């Protein structure tokens, strides 16, 4: 059994913001696979799908970003899912828009949602899919991540979100190495 968790903030005011690309990825997977995200439990909204005979939970925590670990820990404990079967999709300011990085483990960096998960599950040893959102050194970080993308960047990010979702499916089907080889994407060149 696996969890694919997308990080974001609940509420319409955060819809399609930079900080919510994890939610966008879960929404993409749910829509593509005709999955209803209609279960509300464990401080999360989730749905279930099957990939090659494996049960997979698509999860969006309803806690705010900095408490994402509360929801993730509740689900992992209830279903007894090991850390290596948790895949977290989230925004990363340290990589440019148009970049996708898949890693087997690592630190939280500056991301409060990842800090929360690592602190509550007591492990850094879970795969993550990082969607590049870049940064603006002239803006307050909180203001920047809670802002929506420019129209040009949104077009690029929509493709990266689809690749992030497809990478998660590839991970469950064929393993992490295959997902990394096929879906680690460097910055898309300007059109």
C-alpha atoms as a PDB file:
ATOM      1  CA  UNK A   1       0.000   0.000   0.000  1.00  0.00           C
ATOM      2  CA  UNK A   2       1.211   3.504  -0.870  1.00  0.00           C
ATOM      3  CA  UNK A   3       0.368   7.099  -0.075  1.00  0.00           C
ATOM      4  CA  UNK A   4       0.810   9.822  -2.668  1.00  0.00           C
ATOM      5  CA  UNK A   5       0.452  13.031  -0.691  1.00  0.00           C
ATOM      6  CA  UNK A   6       0.317  16.460  -2.269  1.00  0.00           C
ATOM      7  CA  UNK A   7       1.043  19.403  -0.006  1.00  0.00           C
ATOM      8  CA  UNK A   8      -0.884  22.655  -0.047  1.00  0.00           C
ATOM      9  CA  UNK A   9      -3.218  24.872   1.925  1.00  0.00           C
ATOM     10  CA  UNK A  10      -6.979  24.262   2.035  1.00  0.00           C
ATOM     11  CA  UNK A  11      -9.384  26.965   0.924  1.00  0.00           C
ATOM     12  CA  UNK A  12     -10.323  28.767  -2.273  1.00  0.00           C
ATOM     13  CA  UNK A  13      -7.956  31.666  -1.583  1.00  0.00           C
ATOM     14  CA  UNK A  14      -4.992  29.273  -2.004  1.00  0.00           C
ATOM     15  CA  UNK A  15      -6.306  27.506  -5.120  1.00  0.00           C
ATOM     16  CA  UNK A  16      -3.611  27.310  -7.847  1.00  0.00           C
ATOM     17  CA  UNK A  17      -1.035  29.246  -5.814  1.00  0.00           C
ATOM     18  CA  UNK A  18       2.650  28.321  -5.995  1.00  0.00           C
ATOM     19  CA  UNK A  19       2.433  26.641  -2.586  1.00  0.00           C
ATOM     20  CA  UNK A  20      -0.392  24.363  -3.797  1.00  0.00           C
ATOM     21  CA  UNK A  21       1.269  22.526  -6.684  1.00  0.00           C
ATOM     22  CA  UNK A  22       1.164  19.371  -4.526  1.00  0.00           C
ATOM     23  CA  UNK A  23      -2.642  19.650  -4.302  1.00  0.00           C
ATOM     24  CA  UNK A  24      -2.755  20.336  -8.048  1.00  0.00           C
ATOM     25  CA  UNK A  25      -0.814  17.114  -8.666  1.00  0.00           C
ATOM     26  CA  UNK A  26      -3.268  15.061  -6.586  1.00  0.00           C
ATOM     27  CA  UNK A  27      -6.181  16.708  -8.413  1.00  0.00           C
ATOM     28  CA  UNK A  28      -4.562  15.802 -11.744  1.00  0.00           C
ATOM     29  CA  UNK A  29      -4.124  12.144 -10.709  1.00  0.00           C
ATOM     30  CA  UNK A  30      -7.692  11.958  -9.393  1.00  0.00           C
ATOM     31  CA  UNK A  31      -9.152  13.450 -12.562  1.00  0.00           C
ATOM     32  CA  UNK A  32      -6.997  11.344 -14.900  1.00  0.00           C
ATOM     33  CA  UNK A  33      -7.929   8.121 -13.091  1.00  0.00           C
ATOM     34  CA  UNK A  34     -11.567   9.007 -12.329  1.00  0.00           C
ATOM     35  CA  UNK A  35     -10.978   8.919  -8.568  1.00  0.00           C
ATOM     36  CA  UNK A  36     -13.247  10.805  -6.178  1.00  0.00           C
ATOM     37  CA  UNK A  37     -11.392  12.677  -3.454  1.00  0.00           C
ATOM     38  CA  UNK A  38     -14.426  12.413  -1.218  1.00  0.00           C
ATOM     39  CA  UNK A  39     -13.216  10.851   2.001  1.00  0.00           C
ATOM     40  CA  UNK A  40     -12.569  13.220   4.891  1.00  0.00           C
ATOM     41  CA  UNK A  41     -10.695  11.563   7.724  1.00  0.00           C
ATOM     42  CA  UNK A  42      -7.243  11.742   9.318  1.00  0.00           C
ATOM     43  CA  UNK A  43      -7.159  15.550   8.846  1.00  0.00           C
ATOM     44  CA  UNK A  44      -7.119  14.926   5.091  1.00  0.00           C
ATOM     45  CA  UNK A  45      -9.245  14.606   1.993  1.00  0.00           C
ATOM     46  CA  UNK A  46      -8.393  11.449   0.106  1.00  0.00           C
ATOM     47  CA  UNK A  47      -9.420   8.890  -2.449  1.00  0.00           C
ATOM     48  CA  UNK A  48      -8.253   5.394  -3.317  1.00  0.00           C
ATOM     49  CA  UNK A  49      -6.915   3.985  -6.545  1.00  0.00           C
ATOM     50  CA  UNK A  50      -5.229   0.801  -7.659  1.00  0.00           C
ATOM     51  CA  UNK A  51      -1.924   0.688  -9.525  1.00  0.00           C
ATOM     52  CA  UNK A  52      -0.782  -2.771 -10.653  1.00  0.00           C
ATOM     53  CA  UNK A  53      -2.667  -4.392  -7.800  1.00  0.00           C
ATOM     54  CA  UNK A  54      -1.317  -1.968  -5.173  1.00  0.00           C
ATOM     55  CA  UNK A  55      -3.768   0.105  -3.169  1.00  0.00           C
ATOM     56  CA  UNK A  56      -2.755   3.766  -3.367  1.00  0.00           C
ATOM     57  CA  UNK A  57      -4.210   6.626  -1.331  1.00  0.00           C
ATOM     58  CA  UNK A  58      -4.253  10.061  -2.988  1.00  0.00           C
ATOM     59  CA  UNK A  59      -4.035  12.470  -0.060  1.00  0.00           C
ATOM     60  CA  UNK A  60      -4.427  16.222   0.471  1.00  0.00           C
ATOM     61  CA  UNK A  61      -3.994  17.265   4.133  1.00  0.00           C
ATOM     62  CA  UNK A  62      -6.642  19.745   5.302  1.00  0.00           C
ATOM     63  CA  UNK A  63      -4.330  21.068   7.970  1.00  0.00           C
ATOM     64  CA  UNK A  64      -2.426  24.101   6.793  1.00  0.00           C
ATOM     65  CA  UNK A  65       0.973  23.525   5.211  1.00  0.00           C
ATOM     66  CA  UNK A  66       3.038  23.832   8.375  1.00  0.00           C
ATOM     67  CA  UNK A  67       1.003  21.034  10.028  1.00  0.00           C
ATOM     68  CA  UNK A  68       1.003  18.582   7.098  1.00  0.00           C
ATOM     69  CA  UNK A  69       2.745  15.973   9.233  1.00  0.00           C
ATOM     70  CA  UNK A  70      -0.315  15.626  11.495  1.00  0.00           C
ATOM     71  CA  UNK A  71      -2.431  14.262   8.634  1.00  0.00           C
ATOM     72  CA  UNK A  72       0.332  12.167   7.089  1.00  0.00           C
ATOM     73  CA  UNK A  73       1.216  10.542  10.411  1.00  0.00           C
ATOM     74  CA  UNK A  74      -2.424   9.693  11.181  1.00  0.00           C
ATOM     75  CA  UNK A  75      -2.880   7.960   7.818  1.00  0.00           C
ATOM     76  CA  UNK A  76       0.454   6.140   7.965  1.00  0.00           C
ATOM     77  CA  UNK A  77      -0.264   4.864  11.473  1.00  0.00           C
ATOM     78  CA  UNK A  78      -3.822   3.788  10.701  1.00  0.00           C
ATOM     79  CA  UNK A  79      -2.899   1.855   7.545  1.00  0.00           C
ATOM     80  CA  UNK A  80       0.544   0.819   8.861  1.00  0.00           C
ATOM     81  CA  UNK A  81       2.311   2.225   5.812  1.00  0.00           C
ATOM     82  CA  UNK A  82       6.124   2.364   6.019  1.00  0.00           C
ATOM     83  CA  UNK A  83       7.930   5.622   5.247  1.00  0.00           C
ATOM     84  CA  UNK A  84       9.423   4.236   2.031  1.00  0.00           C
ATOM     85  CA  UNK A  85       5.851   3.859   0.658  1.00  0.00           C
ATOM     86  CA  UNK A  86       5.041   7.530   1.249  1.00  0.00           C
ATOM     87  CA  UNK A  87       5.535   9.774  -1.801  1.00  0.00           C
ATOM     88  CA  UNK A  88       5.247  13.518  -1.098  1.00  0.00           C
ATOM     89  CA  UNK A  89       4.745  16.081  -3.871  1.00  0.00           C
ATOM     90  CA  UNK A  90       5.481  19.701  -2.985  1.00  0.00           C
ATOM     91  CA  UNK A  91       6.676  23.071  -4.225  1.00  0.00           C
ATOM     92  CA  UNK A  92      10.354  23.979  -4.055  1.00  0.00           C
ATOM     93  CA  UNK A  93      11.622  27.566  -4.206  1.00  0.00           C
ATOM     94  CA  UNK A  94      15.207  26.380  -4.623  1.00  0.00           C
ATOM     95  CA  UNK A  95      14.662  25.035  -8.126  1.00  0.00           C
ATOM     96  CA  UNK A  96      13.387  27.048 -11.101  1.00  0.00           C
ATOM     97  CA  UNK A  97       9.898  26.966 -12.596  1.00  0.00           C
ATOM     98  CA  UNK A  98       9.805  24.180 -15.168  1.00  0.00           C
ATOM     99  CA  UNK A  99      11.957  21.811 -13.103  1.00  0.00           C
ATOM    100  CA  UNK A 100      10.949  18.509 -11.512  1.00  0.00           C
ATOM    101  CA  UNK A 101      13.246  16.674  -9.104  1.00  0.00           C
ATOM    102  CA  UNK A 102      12.552  13.249  -7.693  1.00  0.00           C
ATOM    103  CA  UNK A 103      14.658  12.085  -4.769  1.00  0.00           C
ATOM    104  CA  UNK A 104      14.649   8.981  -2.547  1.00  0.00           C
ATOM    105  CA  UNK A 105      15.061  10.994   0.684  1.00  0.00           C
ATOM    106  CA  UNK A 106      16.642  14.105   2.132  1.00  0.00           C
ATOM    107  CA  UNK A 107      16.166  17.035   4.434  1.00  0.00           C
ATOM    108  CA  UNK A 108      13.209  19.414   4.483  1.00  0.00           C
ATOM    109  CA  UNK A 109      15.275  22.371   3.333  1.00  0.00           C
ATOM    110  CA  UNK A 110      13.251  25.537   3.878  1.00  0.00           C
ATOM    111  CA  UNK A 111       9.857  23.862   3.351  1.00  0.00           C
ATOM    112  CA  UNK A 112       7.642  23.978   6.456  1.00  0.00           C
ATOM    113  CA  UNK A 113       5.310  21.238   5.229  1.00  0.00           C
ATOM    114  CA  UNK A 114       8.237  18.872   4.805  1.00  0.00           C
ATOM    115  CA  UNK A 115       9.660  19.883   8.183  1.00  0.00           C
ATOM    116  CA  UNK A 116       6.316  18.968   9.747  1.00  0.00           C
ATOM    117  CA  UNK A 117       6.217  15.562   8.054  1.00  0.00           C
ATOM    118  CA  UNK A 118       9.818  14.702   8.924  1.00  0.00           C
ATOM    119  CA  UNK A 119       9.309  15.783  12.552  1.00  0.00           C
ATOM    120  CA  UNK A 120       6.088  13.797  13.025  1.00  0.00           C
ATOM    121  CA  UNK A 121       6.991  10.573  11.210  1.00  0.00           C
ATOM    122  CA  UNK A 122      10.557  10.782  12.595  1.00  0.00           C
ATOM    123  CA  UNK A 123      12.187   9.955   9.277  1.00  0.00           C
ATOM    124  CA  UNK A 124      13.681  11.627   6.195  1.00  0.00           C
ATOM    125  CA  UNK A 125      13.705   8.313   4.346  1.00  0.00           C
ATOM    126  CA  UNK A 126      10.742   8.696   2.043  1.00  0.00           C
ATOM    127  CA  UNK A 127      10.626   9.648  -1.645  1.00  0.00           C
ATOM    128  CA  UNK A 128       9.685  13.145  -2.674  1.00  0.00           C
ATOM    129  CA  UNK A 129       8.721  14.855  -5.898  1.00  0.00           C
ATOM    130  CA  UNK A 130       9.770  18.506  -5.911  1.00  0.00           C
ATOM    131  CA  UNK A 131       8.052  20.896  -8.306  1.00  0.00           C
ATOM    132  CA  UNK A 132      10.154  23.974  -9.013  1.00  0.00           C
ATOM    133  CA  UNK A 133       8.435  27.290  -8.351  1.00  0.00           C
ATOM    134  CA  UNK A 134      11.563  29.468  -8.332  1.00  0.00           C
ATOM    135  CA  UNK A 135      11.858  32.481  -6.084  1.00  0.00           C
ATOM    136  CA  UNK A 136      11.724  36.242  -6.222  1.00  0.00           C
ATOM    137  CA  UNK A 137      14.474  37.760  -4.051  1.00  0.00           C
ATOM    138  CA  UNK A 138      12.586  41.073  -4.029  1.00  0.00           C
ATOM    139  CA  UNK A 139       9.500  39.575  -2.357  1.00  0.00           C
ATOM    140  CA  UNK A 140       8.755  38.250   1.095  1.00  0.00           C
ATOM    141  CA  UNK A 141       8.911  34.440   0.848  1.00  0.00           C
ATOM    142  CA  UNK A 142       5.434  33.898   2.370  1.00  0.00           C
ATOM    143  CA  UNK A 143       3.884  36.417  -0.023  1.00  0.00           C
ATOM    144  CA  UNK A 144       5.661  34.823  -2.976  1.00  0.00           C
ATOM    145  CA  UNK A 145       4.592  31.219  -2.345  1.00  0.00           C
ATOM    146  CA  UNK A 146       0.982  32.240  -1.684  1.00  0.00           C
ATOM    147  CA  UNK A 147       0.782  34.098  -4.993  1.00  0.00           C
ATOM    148  CA  UNK A 148      -0.533  32.621  -8.228  1.00  0.00           C
ATOM    149  CA  UNK A 149       1.782  31.991 -11.179  1.00  0.00           C
ATOM    150  CA  UNK A 150       2.008  34.383 -14.102  1.00  0.00           C
ATOM    151  CA  UNK A 151       0.083  33.116 -17.141  1.00  0.00           C
ATOM    152  CA  UNK A 152       3.328  32.088 -18.882  1.00  0.00           C
ATOM    153  CA  UNK A 153       4.630  30.221 -15.827  1.00  0.00           C
ATOM    154  CA  UNK A 154       1.236  28.557 -15.256  1.00  0.00           C
ATOM    155  CA  UNK A 155       1.401  26.970 -18.725  1.00  0.00           C
ATOM    156  CA  UNK A 156       4.840  25.534 -17.899  1.00  0.00           C
ATOM    157  CA  UNK A 157       3.774  24.406 -14.428  1.00  0.00           C
ATOM    158  CA  UNK A 158       0.667  22.601 -15.722  1.00  0.00           C
ATOM    159  CA  UNK A 159       2.929  20.295 -17.748  1.00  0.00           C
ATOM    160  CA  UNK A 160       5.259  19.778 -14.778  1.00  0.00           C
ATOM    161  CA  UNK A 161       2.285  18.939 -12.519  1.00  0.00           C
ATOM    162  CA  UNK A 162       1.221  16.233 -14.989  1.00  0.00           C
ATOM    163  CA  UNK A 163       4.776  14.883 -15.071  1.00  0.00           C
ATOM    164  CA  UNK A 164       4.870  14.900 -11.246  1.00  0.00           C
ATOM    165  CA  UNK A 165       1.682  12.834 -11.122  1.00  0.00           C
ATOM    166  CA  UNK A 166       2.901  10.449 -13.804  1.00  0.00           C
ATOM    167  CA  UNK A 167       6.214  10.080 -11.932  1.00  0.00           C
ATOM    168  CA  UNK A 168       4.333   8.998  -8.803  1.00  0.00           C
ATOM    169  CA  UNK A 169       2.493   6.322 -10.777  1.00  0.00           C
ATOM    170  CA  UNK A 170       5.774   5.205 -12.360  1.00  0.00           C
ATOM    171  CA  UNK A 171       7.294   4.922  -8.885  1.00  0.00           C
ATOM    172  CA  UNK A 172       4.531   2.558  -7.733  1.00  0.00           C
ATOM    173  CA  UNK A 173       4.646   0.529 -10.979  1.00  0.00           C
ATOM    174  CA  UNK A 174       8.362   0.312 -11.676  1.00  0.00           C
ATOM    175  CA  UNK A 175      10.245   1.737  -8.691  1.00  0.00           C
ATOM    176  CA  UNK A 176      12.069   4.910  -7.774  1.00  0.00           C
ATOM    177  CA  UNK A 177      15.002   4.526 -10.180  1.00  0.00           C
ATOM    178  CA  UNK A 178      12.663   4.262 -13.153  1.00  0.00           C
ATOM    179  CA  UNK A 179      10.675   7.315 -12.014  1.00  0.00           C
ATOM    180  CA  UNK A 180      13.875   9.315 -11.548  1.00  0.00           C
ATOM    181  CA  UNK A 181      15.263   8.323 -14.955  1.00  0.00           C
ATOM    182  CA  UNK A 182      12.050   9.141 -16.814  1.00  0.00           C
ATOM    183  CA  UNK A 183      10.784  12.196 -14.950  1.00  0.00           C
ATOM    184  CA  UNK A 184      13.619  14.235 -13.462  1.00  0.00           C
ATOM    185  CA  UNK A 185      13.161  17.349 -15.608  1.00  0.00           C
ATOM    186  CA  UNK A 186      15.510  20.285 -15.845  1.00  0.00           C
ATOM    187  CA  UNK A 187      14.156  23.747 -16.428  1.00  0.00           C
ATOM    188  CA  UNK A 188      12.046  23.928 -19.561  1.00  0.00           C
ATOM    189  CA  UNK A 189      13.616  26.384 -22.015  1.00  0.00           C
ATOM    190  CA  UNK A 190      11.773  29.612 -22.621  1.00  0.00           C
ATOM    191  CA  UNK A 191       9.320  29.531 -25.519  1.00  0.00           C
END
